[in-house]
Protein backbone atom coordinates (compact mmCIF):
# COMPACT_ATOMS: atom_id res chain seq x y z
CA MET A 1 -12.15 -29.64 6.20
CA GLN A 2 -11.89 -27.33 3.02
CA GLU A 3 -10.21 -28.33 -0.30
CA ALA A 4 -7.45 -28.19 -2.18
CA ILE A 5 -6.08 -25.36 -3.36
CA THR A 6 -3.82 -25.46 -6.77
CA ILE A 7 -1.81 -23.17 -7.92
CA ALA A 8 0.82 -22.90 -11.65
CA GLY A 9 -0.01 -27.22 -11.15
CA ASN A 10 1.27 -27.23 -7.07
CA VAL A 11 -1.32 -28.42 -4.83
CA ILE A 12 -1.56 -27.06 -1.77
CA GLN A 13 -3.58 -29.44 0.89
CA PRO A 14 -5.76 -27.72 3.85
CA GLY A 15 -3.76 -27.24 6.65
CA THR A 16 -0.15 -26.63 4.71
CA ARG A 17 1.82 -24.20 3.79
CA LYS A 18 4.04 -23.79 0.62
CA SER A 19 5.89 -21.33 -1.57
CA VAL A 20 5.09 -21.72 -5.16
CA ASP A 21 7.27 -20.14 -7.75
CA LEU A 22 4.85 -18.78 -10.41
CA PRO A 23 6.36 -18.96 -13.37
CA ILE A 24 6.69 -15.63 -15.50
CA PRO A 25 8.69 -14.39 -19.18
CA ASP A 26 12.00 -15.29 -18.89
CA PHE A 27 15.00 -12.49 -18.26
CA TYR A 28 16.29 -12.60 -21.98
CA THR A 29 19.84 -13.68 -20.31
CA HIS A 30 18.49 -17.24 -20.63
CA ALA A 31 17.96 -17.03 -16.90
CA SER A 32 14.31 -18.31 -15.61
CA ALA A 33 12.45 -16.45 -13.68
CA SER A 34 9.09 -16.52 -11.59
CA MET A 35 6.75 -14.48 -8.81
CA PRO A 36 7.65 -15.95 -5.30
CA VAL A 37 4.16 -16.92 -3.63
CA HIS A 38 3.96 -18.32 -0.51
CA VAL A 39 0.55 -20.28 0.42
CA ILE A 40 -1.14 -20.61 3.95
CA HIS A 41 -4.17 -22.71 3.77
CA GLY A 42 -5.98 -23.59 6.84
CA ASN A 43 -7.92 -26.66 7.63
CA LYS A 44 -11.44 -25.14 8.09
CA PRO A 45 -13.28 -22.60 5.17
CA GLY A 46 -13.04 -19.37 5.29
CA PRO A 47 -11.57 -15.78 3.61
CA CYS A 48 -8.46 -16.21 0.98
CA LEU A 49 -6.86 -12.98 1.29
CA LEU A 50 -4.21 -11.95 -1.02
CA VAL A 51 -1.48 -9.39 0.71
CA CYS A 52 0.61 -7.92 -2.54
CA ALA A 53 3.46 -5.81 -2.67
CA ALA A 54 6.29 -4.32 -5.16
CA ILE A 55 3.67 -4.02 -8.09
CA HIS A 56 5.87 -1.18 -8.85
CA GLY A 57 9.00 -2.65 -8.24
CA ASP A 58 11.00 -0.32 -5.90
CA GLU A 59 8.36 0.23 -3.79
CA ILE A 60 9.97 -2.25 -1.06
CA ASN A 61 8.35 -1.38 2.25
CA GLY A 62 5.70 -4.13 1.76
CA VAL A 63 8.13 -6.90 1.01
CA GLU A 64 9.39 -6.70 4.34
CA ILE A 65 6.00 -6.44 5.78
CA ILE A 66 4.82 -9.76 3.85
CA ARG A 67 8.27 -11.36 5.68
CA ARG A 68 7.41 -10.59 8.99
CA LEU A 69 3.88 -11.83 8.04
CA LEU A 70 4.75 -14.95 7.20
CA LYS A 71 7.19 -15.12 10.01
CA HIS A 72 3.99 -14.36 12.67
CA LYS A 73 3.29 -17.61 14.95
CA THR A 74 -0.59 -16.66 14.36
CA VAL A 75 -0.74 -17.36 11.10
CA ASN A 76 0.12 -21.12 11.61
CA ASN A 77 -3.47 -21.25 12.58
CA LEU A 78 -5.77 -19.95 10.38
CA LYS A 79 -9.47 -20.11 9.25
CA GLY A 80 -9.17 -19.65 5.31
CA THR A 81 -6.18 -18.66 3.33
CA LEU A 82 -3.60 -16.37 2.96
CA ILE A 83 -1.58 -15.83 -0.12
CA ALA A 84 1.56 -13.63 0.01
CA ILE A 85 3.03 -12.55 -2.79
CA PRO A 86 6.13 -9.99 -1.56
CA ILE A 87 7.55 -9.45 -5.07
CA VAL A 88 4.85 -8.69 -7.81
CA ASN A 89 7.22 -6.83 -10.64
CA VAL A 90 10.17 -9.10 -9.91
CA PHE A 91 11.77 -7.31 -12.96
CA GLY A 92 11.55 -4.01 -11.59
CA PHE A 93 12.74 -5.15 -8.28
CA VAL A 94 15.65 -6.27 -9.45
CA SER A 95 16.36 -3.13 -11.57
CA GLN A 96 15.12 -0.84 -8.57
CA SER A 97 12.56 0.55 -11.28
CA ARG A 98 8.83 1.18 -10.64
CA TYR A 99 8.44 -0.20 -13.85
CA LEU A 100 8.68 -3.26 -16.52
CA PRO A 101 11.75 -3.22 -18.63
CA ASP A 102 9.23 -1.88 -21.65
CA ARG A 103 8.51 1.39 -19.52
CA ARG A 104 4.87 0.79 -18.68
CA ASP A 105 3.57 0.48 -14.98
CA LEU A 106 1.97 -3.01 -14.12
CA ASN A 107 -0.16 -0.90 -12.01
CA ARG A 108 -2.21 0.23 -15.38
CA SER A 109 -1.85 -2.73 -17.19
CA PHE A 110 -4.62 -5.03 -15.55
CA PRO A 111 -6.52 -7.45 -16.15
CA GLY A 112 -3.90 -8.11 -18.77
CA SER A 113 -4.05 -10.36 -21.57
CA LYS A 114 -1.89 -13.64 -22.38
CA LYS A 115 -0.88 -12.24 -26.04
CA GLY A 116 0.15 -8.71 -25.13
CA SER A 117 3.06 -6.56 -23.54
CA MET A 118 4.97 -7.96 -21.12
CA ALA A 119 3.03 -6.19 -18.27
CA SER A 120 -0.16 -7.29 -19.73
CA ARG A 121 0.88 -10.69 -19.68
CA LEU A 122 2.09 -10.61 -15.88
CA ALA A 123 -1.00 -8.51 -15.16
CA ASN A 124 -2.64 -11.74 -16.72
CA ILE A 125 -1.13 -14.15 -14.72
CA LEU A 126 -1.75 -12.92 -11.29
CA MET A 127 -5.29 -12.63 -12.09
CA GLU A 128 -6.01 -16.02 -13.33
CA GLU A 129 -3.24 -17.96 -11.16
CA ILE A 130 -4.15 -15.82 -7.73
CA VAL A 131 -6.99 -13.00 -7.95
CA GLU A 132 -9.48 -14.97 -9.21
CA LYS A 133 -9.16 -17.54 -6.37
CA CYS A 134 -9.36 -14.79 -4.02
CA THR A 135 -12.13 -13.39 -1.78
CA HIS A 136 -10.15 -10.26 -0.60
CA ILE A 137 -7.04 -8.20 -1.70
CA ILE A 138 -4.57 -5.68 0.39
CA ASP A 139 -1.97 -4.30 -2.13
CA LEU A 140 1.05 -2.99 -0.26
CA HIS A 141 2.27 0.45 -2.03
CA THR A 142 5.03 3.23 -1.18
CA GLY A 143 5.42 6.68 -2.37
CA ALA A 144 7.74 7.60 -5.16
CA VAL A 145 11.05 8.24 -5.23
CA ALA A 146 12.05 11.02 -2.88
CA ARG A 147 8.59 11.60 -1.79
CA ASN A 148 7.47 10.12 1.53
CA ASN A 149 3.85 8.70 2.54
CA LEU A 150 1.64 9.11 5.88
CA PRO A 151 0.01 5.35 6.75
CA GLN A 152 -3.11 5.72 5.36
CA ILE A 153 -5.40 3.37 3.38
CA ARG A 154 -6.87 3.97 -0.04
CA ALA A 155 -10.06 2.09 -1.25
CA TYR A 156 -13.13 3.01 -3.70
CA LEU A 157 -15.65 3.39 -0.28
CA LYS A 158 -19.02 4.56 -2.05
CA ASP A 159 -21.48 2.59 -1.07
CA ASN A 160 -19.38 -0.05 -0.49
CA LYS A 161 -20.09 -0.82 4.02
CA GLU A 162 -17.73 -4.05 3.79
CA LYS A 163 -15.06 -2.36 2.27
CA GLU A 164 -15.32 0.76 5.22
CA GLU A 165 -15.56 -2.05 7.97
CA LEU A 166 -12.32 -3.52 6.54
CA ALA A 167 -10.38 -0.02 6.20
CA ARG A 168 -11.25 0.72 9.82
CA ALA A 169 -10.65 -2.66 10.93
CA PHE A 170 -6.58 -1.93 8.90
CA GLY A 171 -6.38 0.55 12.31
CA VAL A 172 -4.66 3.76 10.18
CA PRO A 173 -6.07 6.92 11.45
CA VAL A 174 -6.40 8.06 7.82
CA VAL A 175 -8.22 6.40 5.72
CA ILE A 176 -9.16 8.05 1.74
CA HIS A 177 -11.93 7.26 -1.02
CA THR A 178 -10.14 7.65 -4.16
CA GLU A 179 -11.86 6.76 -7.73
CA LEU A 180 -10.26 3.57 -9.09
CA ARG A 181 -7.23 4.26 -11.79
CA ASP A 182 -8.03 2.38 -15.66
CA GLY A 183 -6.09 -0.33 -15.13
CA SER A 184 -5.27 -1.30 -11.50
CA LEU A 185 -5.33 -4.44 -9.60
CA ARG A 186 -7.99 -2.22 -7.45
CA GLU A 187 -10.43 -1.76 -10.46
CA ALA A 188 -9.81 -5.55 -12.20
CA ALA A 189 -10.67 -7.19 -8.79
CA GLY A 190 -13.44 -4.57 -8.52
CA ASP A 191 -15.27 -5.82 -11.81
CA LEU A 192 -15.07 -9.48 -9.73
CA ASN A 193 -16.78 -8.03 -6.80
CA ILE A 194 -13.43 -8.53 -4.78
CA PRO A 195 -12.61 -5.83 -2.11
CA VAL A 196 -9.58 -4.35 -2.33
CA LEU A 197 -7.36 -2.06 0.02
CA LEU A 198 -4.42 -0.14 -0.76
CA TYR A 199 -2.23 0.60 1.70
CA GLU A 200 0.12 3.40 1.53
CA ALA A 201 3.17 4.19 3.43
CA GLY A 202 6.77 5.40 3.34
CA GLU A 203 9.02 5.91 0.53
CA ALA A 204 10.43 4.21 -2.34
CA LEU A 205 13.62 2.17 -2.12
CA ARG A 206 14.05 2.44 1.56
CA PHE A 207 12.99 0.91 4.69
CA ASP A 208 10.01 2.63 7.42
CA GLU A 209 10.06 0.98 10.67
CA VAL A 210 6.74 3.00 11.25
CA ALA A 211 5.54 2.01 7.95
CA ILE A 212 6.57 -1.66 8.24
CA ARG A 213 4.91 -2.29 12.03
CA ALA A 214 1.56 -0.41 10.88
CA GLY A 215 1.45 -2.83 7.52
CA VAL A 216 1.84 -5.86 9.59
CA ARG A 217 -0.33 -4.80 12.40
CA GLY A 218 -3.21 -2.94 9.82
CA ILE A 219 -3.16 -7.19 7.97
CA MET A 220 -3.77 -8.65 11.21
CA GLY A 221 -6.33 -6.43 11.65
CA VAL A 222 -8.53 -7.29 8.55
CA MET A 223 -7.55 -10.81 9.32
CA SER A 224 -9.40 -10.85 12.84
CA HIS A 225 -12.19 -8.43 11.02
CA LEU A 226 -12.50 -11.17 8.59
CA GLY A 227 -12.28 -14.02 11.11
CA MET A 228 -9.17 -15.52 9.92
CA ARG A 229 -7.22 -15.27 13.14
CA GLN A 230 -8.89 -15.94 16.78
CA LYS A 231 -6.99 -12.95 18.16
CA LYS A 232 -8.53 -9.61 18.37
CA ARG A 233 -7.21 -6.27 18.70
CA LYS A 234 -6.81 -4.54 21.76
CA LYS A 235 -9.18 -0.75 21.82
CA THR A 236 -6.74 1.45 20.65
CA GLY A 237 -6.64 5.44 21.81
CA TYR A 238 -7.34 7.04 18.43
CA ASP A 239 -10.28 6.44 15.39
CA THR A 240 -9.92 5.98 12.07
CA VAL A 241 -11.36 8.93 10.39
CA ILE A 242 -12.55 9.04 6.37
CA SER A 243 -11.49 11.92 3.56
CA ALA A 244 -13.28 12.06 0.49
CA ASP A 245 -10.42 14.41 -0.68
CA THR A 246 -6.88 15.08 -1.46
CA GLN A 247 -5.63 18.35 -2.80
CA TRP A 248 -1.57 18.45 -3.74
CA ILE A 249 0.30 21.77 -2.64
CA ARG A 250 2.79 22.83 -5.87
CA ALA A 251 5.51 25.22 -5.67
CA PRO A 252 4.65 28.57 -6.38
CA GLU A 253 8.26 29.09 -7.30
CA SER A 254 11.73 27.56 -8.46
CA GLY A 255 14.02 26.96 -5.54
CA ILE A 256 15.47 25.55 -2.91
CA MET A 257 13.05 24.18 -0.31
CA ARG A 258 12.74 24.24 3.40
CA SER A 259 9.99 22.29 4.81
CA ILE A 260 9.09 23.00 8.17
CA ILE A 261 6.21 20.46 8.86
CA PRO A 262 6.46 16.61 9.34
CA LEU A 263 3.93 14.39 8.23
CA GLY A 264 0.75 13.68 10.05
CA THR A 265 0.79 17.53 10.88
CA SER A 266 -2.82 19.14 11.28
CA VAL A 267 -2.99 22.71 8.95
CA LYS A 268 -5.31 25.02 8.59
CA LYS A 269 -5.93 27.57 5.46
CA GLY A 270 -3.15 29.54 5.26
CA ASP A 271 -0.42 27.86 7.52
CA LEU A 272 2.95 28.22 6.44
CA LEU A 273 4.43 24.65 5.14
CA ALA A 274 8.02 25.76 3.70
CA TYR A 275 10.32 28.22 2.27
CA ILE A 276 11.78 28.15 -1.07
CA ASN A 277 14.77 30.46 -1.43
CA ASP A 278 16.88 31.34 -4.78
CA PRO A 279 20.05 29.46 -4.10
CA LEU A 280 21.79 33.18 -3.53
CA GLY A 281 19.98 34.12 -1.10
CA GLU A 282 18.33 36.96 -2.35
CA ILE A 283 14.93 35.63 -2.63
CA GLU A 284 12.35 33.48 -0.19
CA THR A 285 8.64 32.49 -1.01
CA GLU A 286 6.27 31.35 1.18
CA VAL A 287 4.58 27.96 0.98
CA ARG A 288 1.04 28.25 2.61
CA SER A 289 -1.50 25.49 2.99
CA SER A 290 -4.83 26.48 0.82
CA VAL A 291 -6.65 23.99 2.54
CA PHE A 292 -7.78 22.27 6.07
CA GLY A 293 -6.39 19.37 6.84
CA ILE A 294 -3.35 16.52 7.21
CA VAL A 295 -0.35 16.29 5.73
CA ILE A 296 -0.64 12.73 3.86
CA GLY A 297 2.32 13.10 1.70
CA LYS A 298 5.23 14.86 1.03
CA THR A 299 8.97 15.59 -0.66
CA ASN A 300 11.65 14.85 0.68
CA LEU A 301 13.73 16.23 -2.48
CA PRO A 302 14.45 20.17 -1.25
CA LEU A 303 14.77 20.89 -4.94
CA ALA A 304 12.27 22.99 -6.25
CA HIS A 305 10.85 23.35 -9.87
CA GLU A 306 7.75 26.14 -9.73
CA GLY A 307 4.65 23.65 -10.09
CA ASP A 308 6.39 20.60 -8.31
CA ALA A 309 3.65 18.52 -6.31
CA ILE A 310 5.20 19.42 -2.72
CA PHE A 311 2.75 18.47 -0.20
CA HIS A 312 -0.44 16.13 -0.48
CA ILE A 313 -2.79 16.90 1.90
CA ALA A 314 -6.17 15.04 3.09
CA LYS A 315 -8.97 17.82 3.35
CA TYR A 316 -10.37 17.39 7.11
CA GLN A 317 -12.46 19.96 8.85
CA GLU A 318 -11.27 17.82 12.19
CA ALA A 319 -7.62 18.13 11.32
CA GLU A 320 -6.28 19.19 15.23
CA GLU A 321 -8.06 15.97 16.28
CA ILE A 322 -6.86 13.68 13.66
CA SER A 323 -3.16 14.70 14.28
CA GLY A 324 -3.53 13.74 17.73
CA TYR A 325 -4.75 10.38 16.70
CA ILE A 326 -2.17 9.66 14.36
CA GLU A 327 -0.18 10.84 17.53
CA THR A 328 -1.25 8.16 19.69
CA TYR A 329 -0.76 5.69 16.97
CA ASN A 330 2.76 6.15 16.47
CA GLU A 331 3.50 6.28 20.27
CA GLU A 332 1.04 2.46 20.11
CA LEU A 333 3.64 1.18 17.23
CA GLY A 334 6.59 2.26 19.01
CA SER A 335 5.58 0.08 22.04
CA LEU A 336 5.14 -3.18 19.46
CA ASN A 337 7.59 -5.57 19.23
CA MET A 338 8.17 -6.65 15.89
């Protein structure tokens, strides 16, 4: 048997599961505040996986992903430990905001400090009480308000075979190698040699059923790869393909935009993506792709100023083939019961 794990003074014995209220700075209304943590501590030693969501408080898909994950029957017989935090940025979640009350971005505040800003203190609490106990992390995110992301994994894959294997085990067709952002959880955990996968899917302040199903399925795939659960995934009808670069397509003019392609579409250089019209109907400007690839993100807002980022494209030469993988993947997700 493995040893007990302690979080915020709460001892979780092997073979048990427990919810812990991790103390954080109070609201200024005198109401106390805490970060909700659920720990499933298996009988047998194994990896300690952290799955967390809502570091950006308005990115709520991950909250539902974790709820479904914790209700999944296979997590009751884990080898190792699962630590699940559905709402990291409690203050942003309550106010439906990406940021903390001081307007700081929590995911640019790691590893934090006991005596810094609120963001810095929250980051420090998460690092000391949770992250330092973990061996692997899956961080759940969505696009911003009015921006929708195709289910995708982002990770720093340079010279890191284990992280690439974990990314492939997650099972989404699109994986993107991305550099580390200063002050991010990925960077801080990386300094401790803890591999982190960042899952992006859907839009802020919206539940997206495809994104949620993909997230639950992906986490289960990673847990199987790590040996935390016995059930293995069935062979899929698609492959996972890594992109080393992405590019935003920006509005060439201001106006009312009409998009003509959905997420996951393969595009070639010069393909038509959208039209931007003058509200009076006198001017029409075409928006065309400048690269080969897959549309992995797009704005849902039809109002565009010149220079606005409106389409996000992962660069692939084999884009048509990958688009077929995405179609197969979506069909498989639609057949799942979750």
